[in-house]
């Protein structure tokens, strides 16, 4: 494992739990770097599609994971994701890429190819890492680990609202089914299953507003003297 170079907060959780929104907000408030690990797996799925790889070509996807040029935006453009210099922010947020990310994330070769790339994001003054195994596998030494969840129904409603706001056609029943399937796949996979770290603080965001969850994370960080 790489040497610890900066304090780390990990925010793990299932699809639709709000971990991306919360992670971006916490990183902005703290003035820390952000790692959206889910975007990396979505990028592998997208790169595989663009290179016309077979869906089960594990070695090919692992090679792309190791070699692809990735850059994340900063500041006001924090959600921007560039692949080989191209803005693919919208492309990787589709449900298709979400399902593709869940598939390739189950392959040990792909996870290994991305492991050190993810750890390299830990630079001063600190890192907020968002994903599914940040606190269990990638940064087990993190000073604060959060496991953020919500009921499947709530997560499906959130995703439905996001897609409708972006003008994308979506079916609430189909999203509910896809979330249930992804939960089952992510939590039962042999490598790095989606489970809370033993020392993680669990936050159920069902019925909670975004600001309330952010404040809870910020307060947990204060208690650990990670920020003022």
Protein backbone atom coordinates (compact mmCIF):
# COMPACT_ATOMS: atom_id res chain seq x y z
CA UNK A 1 0.00 0.00 0.00
CA UNK A 2 1.15 3.55 -0.75
CA UNK A 3 2.41 5.65 2.13
CA UNK A 4 -0.14 7.97 3.73
CA UNK A 5 0.43 11.44 2.28
CA UNK A 6 -2.72 13.26 3.39
CA UNK A 7 -5.79 12.84 5.63
CA UNK A 8 -8.60 10.92 3.96
CA UNK A 9 -12.37 10.78 4.36
CA UNK A 10 -14.16 7.93 2.57
CA UNK A 11 -17.85 7.99 1.69
CA UNK A 12 -19.12 4.64 0.47
CA UNK A 13 -22.63 3.50 -0.31
CA UNK A 14 -24.97 2.00 -2.90
CA UNK A 15 -26.24 3.65 -6.07
CA UNK A 16 -28.59 6.57 -5.38
CA UNK A 17 -27.54 7.03 -1.76
CA UNK A 18 -26.35 10.57 -2.49
CA UNK A 19 -22.68 9.89 -1.83
CA UNK A 20 -21.54 11.81 -4.93
CA UNK A 21 -23.44 14.96 -3.99
CA UNK A 22 -22.33 14.75 -0.36
CA UNK A 23 -18.70 14.03 -1.28
CA UNK A 24 -18.49 17.03 -3.63
CA UNK A 25 -19.99 19.31 -1.01
CA UNK A 26 -17.70 18.10 1.79
CA UNK A 27 -14.61 18.40 -0.44
CA UNK A 28 -15.61 21.94 -1.41
CA UNK A 29 -16.25 23.02 2.21
CA UNK A 30 -12.98 21.47 3.42
CA UNK A 31 -10.97 22.67 0.43
CA UNK A 32 -9.82 19.09 -0.20
CA UNK A 33 -9.34 17.01 -3.33
CA UNK A 34 -12.14 14.73 -4.55
CA UNK A 35 -11.99 11.20 -5.94
CA UNK A 36 -15.12 9.99 -7.73
CA UNK A 37 -14.10 6.34 -8.01
CA UNK A 38 -17.40 5.36 -9.60
CA UNK A 39 -16.56 7.61 -12.54
CA UNK A 40 -13.38 5.60 -13.13
CA UNK A 41 -15.34 2.37 -13.51
CA UNK A 42 -17.89 4.10 -15.73
CA UNK A 43 -14.97 5.35 -17.85
CA UNK A 44 -13.64 1.79 -18.21
CA UNK A 45 -17.09 0.67 -19.38
CA UNK A 46 -17.31 3.58 -21.83
CA UNK A 47 -13.78 3.02 -23.15
CA UNK A 48 -14.57 -0.65 -23.68
CA UNK A 49 -17.68 0.27 -25.65
CA UNK A 50 -15.77 2.78 -27.78
CA UNK A 51 -13.01 0.25 -28.47
CA UNK A 52 -15.68 -2.31 -29.40
CA UNK A 53 -14.52 -4.82 -26.79
CA UNK A 54 -16.64 -7.84 -26.04
CA UNK A 55 -18.62 -7.38 -22.81
CA UNK A 56 -16.73 -10.26 -21.18
CA UNK A 57 -13.23 -9.23 -22.36
CA UNK A 58 -11.69 -8.85 -18.89
CA UNK A 59 -8.08 -8.49 -20.07
CA UNK A 60 -9.00 -5.85 -22.63
CA UNK A 61 -10.90 -3.76 -20.11
CA UNK A 62 -8.04 -4.09 -17.61
CA UNK A 63 -5.59 -2.77 -20.23
CA UNK A 64 -7.84 0.21 -20.87
CA UNK A 65 -8.15 0.85 -17.13
CA UNK A 66 -4.38 1.02 -16.79
CA UNK A 67 -3.74 3.15 -19.87
CA UNK A 68 -6.68 5.54 -20.28
CA UNK A 69 -6.02 9.27 -19.79
CA UNK A 70 -8.46 10.67 -17.20
CA UNK A 71 -8.87 14.14 -15.76
CA UNK A 72 -11.50 15.50 -13.39
CA UNK A 73 -12.61 19.11 -13.30
CA UNK A 74 -12.07 21.33 -10.28
CA UNK A 75 -13.90 24.22 -8.67
CA UNK A 76 -17.15 25.12 -10.46
CA UNK A 77 -16.44 22.33 -12.98
CA UNK A 78 -15.98 19.65 -10.30
CA UNK A 79 -18.43 17.32 -12.02
CA UNK A 80 -16.58 17.45 -15.36
CA UNK A 81 -14.85 14.24 -16.46
CA UNK A 82 -12.42 14.13 -19.39
CA UNK A 83 -11.39 10.92 -21.18
CA UNK A 84 -8.48 11.28 -23.59
CA UNK A 85 -9.12 15.03 -23.49
CA UNK A 86 -12.83 14.71 -24.38
CA UNK A 87 -15.64 15.81 -22.08
CA UNK A 88 -17.60 12.63 -21.37
CA UNK A 89 -19.41 13.86 -18.26
CA UNK A 90 -22.87 13.28 -19.70
CA UNK A 91 -22.00 10.01 -21.43
CA UNK A 92 -20.77 8.24 -18.29
CA UNK A 93 -23.81 9.25 -16.21
CA UNK A 94 -26.23 7.17 -18.27
CA UNK A 95 -27.91 4.12 -16.77
CA UNK A 96 -26.12 1.99 -19.39
CA UNK A 97 -22.72 3.12 -18.12
CA UNK A 98 -23.86 2.62 -14.55
CA UNK A 99 -24.70 -0.99 -15.28
CA UNK A 100 -21.44 -1.36 -17.22
CA UNK A 101 -19.48 0.03 -14.28
CA UNK A 102 -21.07 -2.49 -11.93
CA UNK A 103 -20.09 -5.30 -14.30
CA UNK A 104 -16.43 -4.33 -14.81
CA UNK A 105 -16.02 -3.48 -11.11
CA UNK A 106 -16.55 -7.17 -10.32
CA UNK A 107 -13.37 -8.11 -12.23
CA UNK A 108 -10.23 -8.31 -10.04
CA UNK A 109 -7.94 -7.40 -12.95
CA UNK A 110 -9.77 -4.11 -13.53
CA UNK A 111 -9.87 -3.27 -9.82
CA UNK A 112 -6.15 -3.95 -9.52
CA UNK A 113 -5.40 -1.78 -12.55
CA UNK A 114 -7.23 1.14 -10.94
CA UNK A 115 -6.04 0.64 -7.35
CA UNK A 116 -2.85 2.71 -7.37
CA UNK A 117 -4.44 5.31 -9.65
CA UNK A 118 -7.07 5.86 -6.96
CA UNK A 119 -4.53 5.99 -4.11
CA UNK A 120 -2.54 8.63 -6.00
CA UNK A 121 -5.41 11.09 -5.46
CA UNK A 122 -4.48 11.29 -1.75
CA UNK A 123 -2.58 14.59 -1.84
CA UNK A 124 -2.41 17.45 0.69
CA UNK A 125 -4.40 19.10 2.10
CA UNK A 126 -6.66 16.03 2.06
CA UNK A 127 -8.95 13.77 0.05
CA UNK A 128 -12.65 12.94 0.07
CA UNK A 129 -13.05 9.59 -1.71
CA UNK A 130 -16.47 8.52 -2.96
CA UNK A 131 -17.21 4.94 -3.97
CA UNK A 132 -18.14 1.46 -2.85
CA UNK A 133 -14.90 0.08 -1.38
CA UNK A 134 -13.00 3.23 -0.49
CA UNK A 135 -13.00 2.52 3.24
CA UNK A 136 -12.59 -1.24 3.02
CA UNK A 137 -10.01 -1.74 0.25
CA UNK A 138 -8.58 1.42 -1.29
CA UNK A 139 -8.08 3.55 1.85
CA UNK A 140 -8.46 1.28 4.89
CA UNK A 141 -6.26 3.76 6.81
CA UNK A 142 -8.73 6.64 6.31
CA UNK A 143 -9.23 8.88 9.32
CA UNK A 144 -13.01 9.03 8.78
CA UNK A 145 -15.17 6.45 7.02
CA UNK A 146 -18.81 7.05 6.17
CA UNK A 147 -21.26 4.49 4.83
CA UNK A 148 -24.19 6.38 3.34
CA UNK A 149 -27.37 4.57 2.48
CA UNK A 150 -31.12 5.08 1.94
CA UNK A 151 -34.08 2.82 1.26
CA UNK A 152 -34.20 1.30 -2.26
CA UNK A 153 -37.45 3.18 -2.92
CA UNK A 154 -35.91 6.51 -1.94
CA UNK A 155 -32.82 5.88 -4.06
CA UNK A 156 -34.94 5.01 -7.08
CA UNK A 157 -36.98 8.20 -6.65
CA UNK A 158 -33.80 10.30 -6.44
CA UNK A 159 -32.37 8.77 -9.59
CA UNK A 160 -35.69 9.20 -11.39
CA UNK A 161 -35.76 12.90 -10.46
CA UNK A 162 -32.15 13.39 -11.63
CA UNK A 163 -32.86 11.84 -15.02
CA UNK A 164 -36.09 13.77 -15.52
CA UNK A 165 -34.32 17.05 -14.72
CA UNK A 166 -31.75 16.22 -17.39
CA UNK A 167 -34.53 15.58 -19.92
CA UNK A 168 -33.85 11.87 -20.04
CA UNK A 169 -36.71 9.42 -20.36
CA UNK A 170 -36.91 7.18 -17.34
CA UNK A 171 -39.25 4.65 -15.78
CA UNK A 172 -39.45 4.60 -12.00
CA UNK A 173 -40.29 0.90 -11.97
CA UNK A 174 -37.37 0.09 -14.28
CA UNK A 175 -34.99 2.16 -12.13
CA UNK A 176 -36.21 0.37 -8.99
CA UNK A 177 -35.52 -2.98 -10.65
CA UNK A 178 -32.06 -1.91 -11.87
CA UNK A 179 -31.08 -0.59 -8.44
CA UNK A 180 -32.17 -3.85 -6.80
CA UNK A 181 -30.17 -5.87 -9.34
CA UNK A 182 -27.11 -3.65 -8.90
CA UNK A 183 -27.34 -3.85 -5.10
CA UNK A 184 -27.41 -7.65 -5.30
CA UNK A 185 -24.48 -7.78 -7.72
CA UNK A 186 -22.33 -5.25 -5.84
CA UNK A 187 -22.92 -6.75 -2.39
CA UNK A 188 -22.40 -10.38 -3.42
CA UNK A 189 -19.36 -10.09 -5.71
CA UNK A 190 -16.31 -12.07 -4.64
CA UNK A 191 -13.91 -9.12 -4.85
CA UNK A 192 -14.43 -5.97 -2.74
CA UNK A 193 -18.15 -6.43 -2.07
CA UNK A 194 -20.25 -3.41 -1.10
CA UNK A 195 -20.22 -3.58 2.70
CA UNK A 196 -19.57 -0.97 5.40
CA UNK A 197 -16.08 -0.89 6.88
CA UNK A 198 -16.07 -2.20 10.45
CA UNK A 199 -15.20 1.28 11.74
CA UNK A 200 -17.50 3.25 9.42
CA UNK A 201 -20.15 5.69 10.64
CA UNK A 202 -23.48 4.65 9.11
CA UNK A 203 -25.80 7.42 7.90
CA UNK A 204 -29.26 6.56 6.58
CA UNK A 205 -30.28 9.54 4.45
CA UNK A 206 -33.87 8.38 3.88
CA UNK A 207 -36.01 11.38 4.72
CA UNK A 208 -33.00 13.64 5.33
CA UNK A 209 -32.18 16.73 3.31
CA UNK A 210 -28.80 17.15 1.64
CA UNK A 211 -27.72 19.91 4.03
CA UNK A 212 -28.50 17.76 7.07
CA UNK A 213 -26.31 14.93 5.79
CA UNK A 214 -23.48 17.32 4.88
CA UNK A 215 -23.56 18.85 8.36
CA UNK A 216 -23.45 15.37 9.92
CA UNK A 217 -20.30 14.50 7.95
CA UNK A 218 -18.70 17.87 8.69
CA UNK A 219 -19.38 17.40 12.41
CA UNK A 220 -17.86 13.91 12.37
CA UNK A 221 -14.77 15.42 10.72
CA UNK A 222 -14.55 18.14 13.38
CA UNK A 223 -14.64 15.52 16.11
CA UNK A 224 -11.58 13.93 14.52
CA UNK A 225 -9.85 17.32 14.12
CA UNK A 226 -9.75 16.95 10.33
CA UNK A 227 -10.90 20.55 9.88
CA UNK A 228 -11.96 23.49 12.03
